[in-house]
Amino acid sequence: MGDVLLGPGHLWRAPIGTAVPDETTVAFGADWGGTWVDMGDFPEGSPISLSLAEEVYKVYSEQITVALGVTRTRREALITGSLLEHTVANMAALLQATAAVTPPGGAQKGFSEIPFGGPPDVTLYKWGIEALRVDANNVNQPVRWFFHKGFMRMTGEIAYAKTKETAIAFEIAILGDITLPNASNLGILQIVTSAATTT
């Protein structure tokens, strides 16, 4: 299908500064390895979505009606979706908190607690999205978005109902990394177009 993409997206997170998965050795759908954490599945009808909003300032004159110039004043990436898997790691990321894990033992159930509150600081992670691209030889290849840093937060209610799965709506606001050049301080889009050739 080439440049027509079809299939669900996959969300990953890692500590800031984590190396991206290798485009040649890490196949589509494979574990990214290292400290990358798979955020799990999404409910049907609630795909992972990415937007890149921009604002611009245009210069006009009194003499003519067309714009004379333009400059970008804002560019913001936002990832949205709903988590289906209520793992301890996912919940800790959503709550901007750290989980305390107690293993099972004699007369003790294993359990996890995630204390949370309202501190002003937020926890930042590196984020990645993987989608499917089928190349000219009908081989699955990844399309990967990497974002240097951003924070996750819940954006809706958690509804526990007998007739519907319990999903957790979220958004990830992406921040710029000002230690990098302006041309790449939000992230990187990587499109794998073909398999490696034999040596």
C-alpha atoms as a PDB file:
ATOM      1  CA  MET A   1       0.000   0.000   0.000  1.00  0.00           C
ATOM      2  CA  GLY A   2       3.066   2.240   0.125  1.00  0.00           C
ATOM      3  CA  ASP A   3       2.241   5.694   1.409  1.00  0.00           C
ATOM      4  CA  VAL A   4      -1.317   4.760   2.448  1.00  0.00           C
ATOM      5  CA  LEU A   5      -1.224   3.842   6.133  1.00  0.00           C
ATOM      6  CA  LEU A   6      -3.745   1.464   7.671  1.00  0.00           C
ATOM      7  CA  GLY A   7      -3.803   0.051  11.176  1.00  0.00           C
ATOM      8  CA  PRO A   8      -3.666   1.111  14.813  1.00  0.00           C
ATOM      9  CA  GLY A   9      -0.990   3.227  16.409  1.00  0.00           C
ATOM     10  CA  HIS A  10       1.136   2.158  19.352  1.00  0.00           C
ATOM     11  CA  LEU A  11       2.307   4.400  22.202  1.00  0.00           C
ATOM     12  CA  TRP A  12       5.642   4.147  24.055  1.00  0.00           C
ATOM     13  CA  ARG A  13       7.334   6.191  26.775  1.00  0.00           C
ATOM     14  CA  ALA A  14      10.828   6.346  28.211  1.00  0.00           C
ATOM     15  CA  PRO A  15      13.005   8.579  30.373  1.00  0.00           C
ATOM     16  CA  ILE A  16      14.123  11.771  28.674  1.00  0.00           C
ATOM     17  CA  GLY A  17      17.285  11.234  26.679  1.00  0.00           C
ATOM     18  CA  THR A  18      16.612   7.572  25.897  1.00  0.00           C
ATOM     19  CA  ALA A  19      17.975   6.430  22.521  1.00  0.00           C
ATOM     20  CA  VAL A  20      15.359   5.728  19.854  1.00  0.00           C
ATOM     21  CA  PRO A  21      14.921   2.132  18.646  1.00  0.00           C
ATOM     22  CA  ASP A  22      17.158   1.197  15.739  1.00  0.00           C
ATOM     23  CA  GLU A  23      15.344   1.495  12.410  1.00  0.00           C
ATOM     24  CA  THR A  24      17.101  -1.574  10.966  1.00  0.00           C
ATOM     25  CA  THR A  25      17.123  -4.068  13.844  1.00  0.00           C
ATOM     26  CA  VAL A  26      13.830  -3.219  15.591  1.00  0.00           C
ATOM     27  CA  ALA A  27      11.032  -4.356  13.295  1.00  0.00           C
ATOM     28  CA  PHE A  28       7.484  -3.059  13.236  1.00  0.00           C
ATOM     29  CA  GLY A  29       5.567  -4.442  16.214  1.00  0.00           C
ATOM     30  CA  ALA A  30       8.709  -5.551  18.054  1.00  0.00           C
ATOM     31  CA  ASP A  31       9.621  -4.505  21.570  1.00  0.00           C
ATOM     32  CA  TRP A  32      11.622  -1.268  21.532  1.00  0.00           C
ATOM     33  CA  GLY A  33      13.881  -2.560  24.305  1.00  0.00           C
ATOM     34  CA  GLY A  34      15.949  -0.611  26.788  1.00  0.00           C
ATOM     35  CA  THR A  35      13.868   1.595  29.090  1.00  0.00           C
ATOM     36  CA  TRP A  36      11.009   2.068  26.615  1.00  0.00           C
ATOM     37  CA  VAL A  37       7.636   1.138  28.194  1.00  0.00           C
ATOM     38  CA  ASP A  38       4.743  -0.127  26.070  1.00  0.00           C
ATOM     39  CA  MET A  39       1.615   1.793  27.108  1.00  0.00           C
ATOM     40  CA  GLY A  40      -0.641  -1.048  25.946  1.00  0.00           C
ATOM     41  CA  ASP A  41      -3.846  -1.295  23.971  1.00  0.00           C
ATOM     42  CA  PHE A  42      -6.564   1.240  23.187  1.00  0.00           C
ATOM     43  CA  PRO A  43     -10.315   0.626  23.046  1.00  0.00           C
ATOM     44  CA  GLU A  44     -11.856   0.171  19.612  1.00  0.00           C
ATOM     45  CA  GLY A  45     -13.036   3.494  18.218  1.00  0.00           C
ATOM     46  CA  SER A  46     -10.568   5.488  20.309  1.00  0.00           C
ATOM     47  CA  PRO A  47      -7.344   5.557  18.305  1.00  0.00           C
ATOM     48  CA  ILE A  48      -4.208   7.330  19.334  1.00  0.00           C
ATOM     49  CA  SER A  49      -4.230  10.756  17.682  1.00  0.00           C
ATOM     50  CA  LEU A  50      -1.542  13.333  17.047  1.00  0.00           C
ATOM     51  CA  SER A  51      -2.107  17.007  16.281  1.00  0.00           C
ATOM     52  CA  LEU A  52       0.387  19.742  15.502  1.00  0.00           C
ATOM     53  CA  ALA A  53      -1.297  23.089  16.062  1.00  0.00           C
ATOM     54  CA  GLU A  54       0.302  26.266  14.756  1.00  0.00           C
ATOM     55  CA  GLU A  55      -0.282  29.973  15.091  1.00  0.00           C
ATOM     56  CA  VAL A  56       1.154  32.524  12.726  1.00  0.00           C
ATOM     57  CA  TYR A  57       1.376  36.312  12.609  1.00  0.00           C
ATOM     58  CA  LYS A  58       0.733  37.971   9.231  1.00  0.00           C
ATOM     59  CA  VAL A  59       1.850  41.438   8.222  1.00  0.00           C
ATOM     60  CA  TYR A  60      -0.632  43.573   6.273  1.00  0.00           C
ATOM     61  CA  SER A  61      -0.417  47.103   4.924  1.00  0.00           C
ATOM     62  CA  GLU A  62      -3.028  49.764   4.341  1.00  0.00           C
ATOM     63  CA  GLN A  63      -2.311  49.860   0.618  1.00  0.00           C
ATOM     64  CA  ILE A  64      -3.053  46.244  -0.407  1.00  0.00           C
ATOM     65  CA  THR A  65      -5.258  43.397   0.782  1.00  0.00           C
ATOM     66  CA  VAL A  66      -2.829  40.490   0.665  1.00  0.00           C
ATOM     67  CA  ALA A  67      -0.394  39.542   3.416  1.00  0.00           C
ATOM     68  CA  LEU A  68       3.130  40.908   2.945  1.00  0.00           C
ATOM     69  CA  GLY A  69       4.845  38.463   5.267  1.00  0.00           C
ATOM     70  CA  VAL A  70       4.263  35.788   7.833  1.00  0.00           C
ATOM     71  CA  THR A  71       6.063  34.307  10.810  1.00  0.00           C
ATOM     72  CA  ARG A  72       5.211  31.326  12.957  1.00  0.00           C
ATOM     73  CA  THR A  73       4.529  32.320  16.564  1.00  0.00           C
ATOM     74  CA  ARG A  74       3.605  28.945  18.036  1.00  0.00           C
ATOM     75  CA  ARG A  75       3.807  25.236  17.212  1.00  0.00           C
ATOM     76  CA  GLU A  76       2.450  22.675  19.676  1.00  0.00           C
ATOM     77  CA  ALA A  77       2.203  18.905  19.403  1.00  0.00           C
ATOM     78  CA  LEU A  78      -0.519  17.055  21.307  1.00  0.00           C
ATOM     79  CA  ILE A  79      -1.117  13.308  21.577  1.00  0.00           C
ATOM     80  CA  THR A  80      -4.566  12.096  22.665  1.00  0.00           C
ATOM     81  CA  GLY A  81      -6.222   8.746  23.190  1.00  0.00           C
ATOM     82  CA  SER A  82      -7.681   6.413  25.789  1.00  0.00           C
ATOM     83  CA  LEU A  83      -5.762   3.759  27.681  1.00  0.00           C
ATOM     84  CA  LEU A  84      -7.406   0.369  27.979  1.00  0.00           C
ATOM     85  CA  GLU A  85      -4.764  -1.282  30.157  1.00  0.00           C
ATOM     86  CA  HIS A  86      -4.764  -0.159  33.793  1.00  0.00           C
ATOM     87  CA  THR A  87      -1.236  -1.271  34.610  1.00  0.00           C
ATOM     88  CA  VAL A  88       0.466   0.118  37.680  1.00  0.00           C
ATOM     89  CA  ALA A  89       3.057   1.788  35.440  1.00  0.00           C
ATOM     90  CA  ASN A  90       0.368   3.401  33.257  1.00  0.00           C
ATOM     91  CA  MET A  91      -1.579   4.659  36.264  1.00  0.00           C
ATOM     92  CA  ALA A  92       1.557   6.102  37.859  1.00  0.00           C
ATOM     93  CA  ALA A  93       2.343   7.991  34.650  1.00  0.00           C
ATOM     94  CA  LEU A  94      -1.230   9.304  34.427  1.00  0.00           C
ATOM     95  CA  LEU A  95      -1.265  10.418  38.057  1.00  0.00           C
ATOM     96  CA  GLN A  96       2.194  12.003  37.828  1.00  0.00           C
ATOM     97  CA  ALA A  97       3.246   9.844  40.757  1.00  0.00           C
ATOM     98  CA  THR A  98       5.430   6.928  41.842  1.00  0.00           C
ATOM     99  CA  ALA A  99       4.074   3.496  42.665  1.00  0.00           C
ATOM    100  CA  ALA A 100       5.028   1.657  45.856  1.00  0.00           C
ATOM    101  CA  VAL A 101       4.922  -2.101  45.238  1.00  0.00           C
ATOM    102  CA  THR A 102       4.502  -4.642  48.061  1.00  0.00           C
ATOM    103  CA  PRO A 103       5.182  -8.235  46.967  1.00  0.00           C
ATOM    104  CA  PRO A 104       3.070 -11.103  48.307  1.00  0.00           C
ATOM    105  CA  GLY A 105       4.334 -12.930  51.355  1.00  0.00           C
ATOM    106  CA  GLY A 106       3.195 -14.882  54.365  1.00  0.00           C
ATOM    107  CA  ALA A 107      -0.334 -13.669  55.196  1.00  0.00           C
ATOM    108  CA  GLN A 108       0.288 -10.665  52.911  1.00  0.00           C
ATOM    109  CA  LYS A 109      -1.359  -9.987  49.558  1.00  0.00           C
ATOM    110  CA  GLY A 110       0.768  -8.383  46.893  1.00  0.00           C
ATOM    111  CA  PHE A 111      -0.409  -4.871  46.088  1.00  0.00           C
ATOM    112  CA  SER A 112       0.629  -1.501  44.733  1.00  0.00           C
ATOM    113  CA  GLU A 113      -0.166   1.972  46.003  1.00  0.00           C
ATOM    114  CA  ILE A 114       0.201   5.193  44.049  1.00  0.00           C
ATOM    115  CA  PRO A 115       0.056   8.211  46.352  1.00  0.00           C
ATOM    116  CA  PHE A 116      -0.879  11.325  44.373  1.00  0.00           C
ATOM    117  CA  GLY A 117      -1.603  14.949  45.088  1.00  0.00           C
ATOM    118  CA  GLY A 118      -1.136  18.387  43.601  1.00  0.00           C
ATOM    119  CA  PRO A 119       2.526  19.355  43.481  1.00  0.00           C
ATOM    120  CA  PRO A 120       3.350  22.063  40.927  1.00  0.00           C
ATOM    121  CA  ASP A 121       6.043  20.095  39.122  1.00  0.00           C
ATOM    122  CA  VAL A 122       5.226  17.528  36.435  1.00  0.00           C
ATOM    123  CA  THR A 123       7.049  14.395  35.334  1.00  0.00           C
ATOM    124  CA  LEU A 124       8.370  14.544  31.790  1.00  0.00           C
ATOM    125  CA  TYR A 125       9.025  11.554  29.544  1.00  0.00           C
ATOM    126  CA  LYS A 126      10.242  10.910  26.036  1.00  0.00           C
ATOM    127  CA  TRP A 127       7.356   9.647  23.866  1.00  0.00           C
ATOM    128  CA  GLY A 128       7.051   7.533  20.753  1.00  0.00           C
ATOM    129  CA  ILE A 129       4.258   6.501  18.407  1.00  0.00           C
ATOM    130  CA  GLU A 130       4.533   3.603  15.964  1.00  0.00           C
ATOM    131  CA  ALA A 131       2.264   3.033  12.970  1.00  0.00           C
ATOM    132  CA  LEU A 132       2.329   0.521  10.110  1.00  0.00           C
ATOM    133  CA  ARG A 133       3.557   1.153   6.565  1.00  0.00           C
ATOM    134  CA  VAL A 134       3.615  -1.658   3.994  1.00  0.00           C
ATOM    135  CA  ASP A 135       6.543  -1.183   1.600  1.00  0.00           C
ATOM    136  CA  ALA A 136       6.735  -1.881  -2.141  1.00  0.00           C
ATOM    137  CA  ASN A 137       7.650  -5.527  -1.439  1.00  0.00           C
ATOM    138  CA  ASN A 138       4.614  -6.005   0.816  1.00  0.00           C
ATOM    139  CA  VAL A 139       6.767  -6.038   3.961  1.00  0.00           C
ATOM    140  CA  ASN A 140       5.577  -4.362   7.169  1.00  0.00           C
ATOM    141  CA  GLN A 141       7.730  -1.359   8.047  1.00  0.00           C
ATOM    142  CA  PRO A 142       7.364   1.126  10.911  1.00  0.00           C
ATOM    143  CA  VAL A 143       6.495   4.784  10.815  1.00  0.00           C
ATOM    144  CA  ARG A 144       7.711   6.267  14.105  1.00  0.00           C
ATOM    145  CA  TRP A 145       7.225   9.633  15.723  1.00  0.00           C
ATOM    146  CA  PHE A 146       9.658  10.492  18.519  1.00  0.00           C
ATOM    147  CA  PHE A 147       9.047  13.426  20.865  1.00  0.00           C
ATOM    148  CA  HIS A 148      11.899  14.567  23.091  1.00  0.00           C
ATOM    149  CA  LYS A 149       9.779  15.417  26.132  1.00  0.00           C
ATOM    150  CA  GLY A 150       6.205  15.822  27.248  1.00  0.00           C
ATOM    151  CA  PHE A 151       3.820  15.143  30.103  1.00  0.00           C
ATOM    152  CA  MET A 152       0.706  12.994  30.350  1.00  0.00           C
ATOM    153  CA  ARG A 153      -2.526  13.870  32.105  1.00  0.00           C
ATOM    154  CA  MET A 154      -6.046  12.490  32.396  1.00  0.00           C
ATOM    155  CA  THR A 155      -8.666  14.438  30.453  1.00  0.00           C
ATOM    156  CA  GLY A 156     -11.941  12.759  31.333  1.00  0.00           C
ATOM    157  CA  GLU A 157     -13.854  10.580  33.725  1.00  0.00           C
ATOM    158  CA  ILE A 158     -13.042   6.969  34.502  1.00  0.00           C
ATOM    159  CA  ALA A 159     -16.385   5.223  34.123  1.00  0.00           C
ATOM    160  CA  TYR A 160     -16.796   1.748  35.643  1.00  0.00           C
ATOM    161  CA  ALA A 161     -19.794   0.198  33.876  1.00  0.00           C
ATOM    162  CA  LYS A 162     -21.040  -3.339  33.347  1.00  0.00           C
ATOM    163  CA  THR A 163     -21.688  -2.825  29.625  1.00  0.00           C
ATOM    164  CA  LYS A 164     -18.482  -1.081  28.505  1.00  0.00           C
ATOM    165  CA  GLU A 165     -14.763  -1.428  29.031  1.00  0.00           C
ATOM    166  CA  THR A 166     -13.201   1.103  31.392  1.00  0.00           C
ATOM    167  CA  ALA A 167     -10.940   3.356  29.362  1.00  0.00           C
ATOM    168  CA  ILE A 168      -8.967   6.358  30.571  1.00  0.00           C
ATOM    169  CA  ALA A 169      -8.858   9.401  28.298  1.00  0.00           C
ATOM    170  CA  PHE A 170      -5.511  11.187  28.259  1.00  0.00           C
ATOM    171  CA  GLU A 171      -3.492  13.814  26.508  1.00  0.00           C
ATOM    172  CA  ILE A 172       0.251  14.239  26.222  1.00  0.00           C
ATOM    173  CA  ALA A 173       1.439  17.818  25.818  1.00  0.00           C
ATOM    174  CA  ILE A 174       4.776  17.950  24.037  1.00  0.00           C
ATOM    175  CA  LEU A 175       7.379  20.497  25.092  1.00  0.00           C
ATOM    176  CA  GLY A 176      10.301  21.730  23.056  1.00  0.00           C
ATOM    177  CA  ASP A 177      13.850  20.757  23.955  1.00  0.00           C
ATOM    178  CA  ILE A 178      15.682  24.081  23.728  1.00  0.00           C
ATOM    179  CA  THR A 179      19.067  22.349  23.922  1.00  0.00           C
ATOM    180  CA  LEU A 180      18.449  21.174  20.336  1.00  0.00           C
ATOM    181  CA  PRO A 181      18.349  23.216  17.102  1.00  0.00           C
ATOM    182  CA  ASN A 182      15.037  24.915  16.306  1.00  0.00           C
ATOM    183  CA  ALA A 183      14.551  22.622  13.309  1.00  0.00           C
ATOM    184  CA  SER A 184      14.382  19.509  15.531  1.00  0.00           C
ATOM    185  CA  ASN A 185      13.507  20.646  19.057  1.00  0.00           C
ATOM    186  CA  LEU A 186      10.011  19.077  19.097  1.00  0.00           C
ATOM    187  CA  GLY A 187      10.718  15.652  17.698  1.00  0.00           C
ATOM    188  CA  ILE A 188      11.612  13.402  14.782  1.00  0.00           C
ATOM    189  CA  LEU A 189       9.415  11.591  12.253  1.00  0.00           C
ATOM    190  CA  GLN A 190      11.057   8.392  10.976  1.00  0.00           C
ATOM    191  CA  ILE A 191       9.597   6.550   7.966  1.00  0.00           C
ATOM    192  CA  VAL A 192      11.186   3.192   7.135  1.00  0.00           C
ATOM    193  CA  THR A 193      10.671   2.694   3.386  1.00  0.00           C
ATOM    194  CA  SER A 194      12.393  -0.608   2.622  1.00  0.00           C
ATOM    195  CA  ALA A 195      14.314  -3.538   4.045  1.00  0.00           C
ATOM    196  CA  ALA A 196      18.084  -3.496   4.293  1.00  0.00           C
ATOM    197  CA  THR A 197      20.022  -4.783   1.299  1.00  0.00           C
ATOM    198  CA  THR A 198      22.310  -7.783   1.597  1.00  0.00           C
ATOM    199  CA  THR A 199      26.015  -7.091   2.056  1.00  0.00           C
END
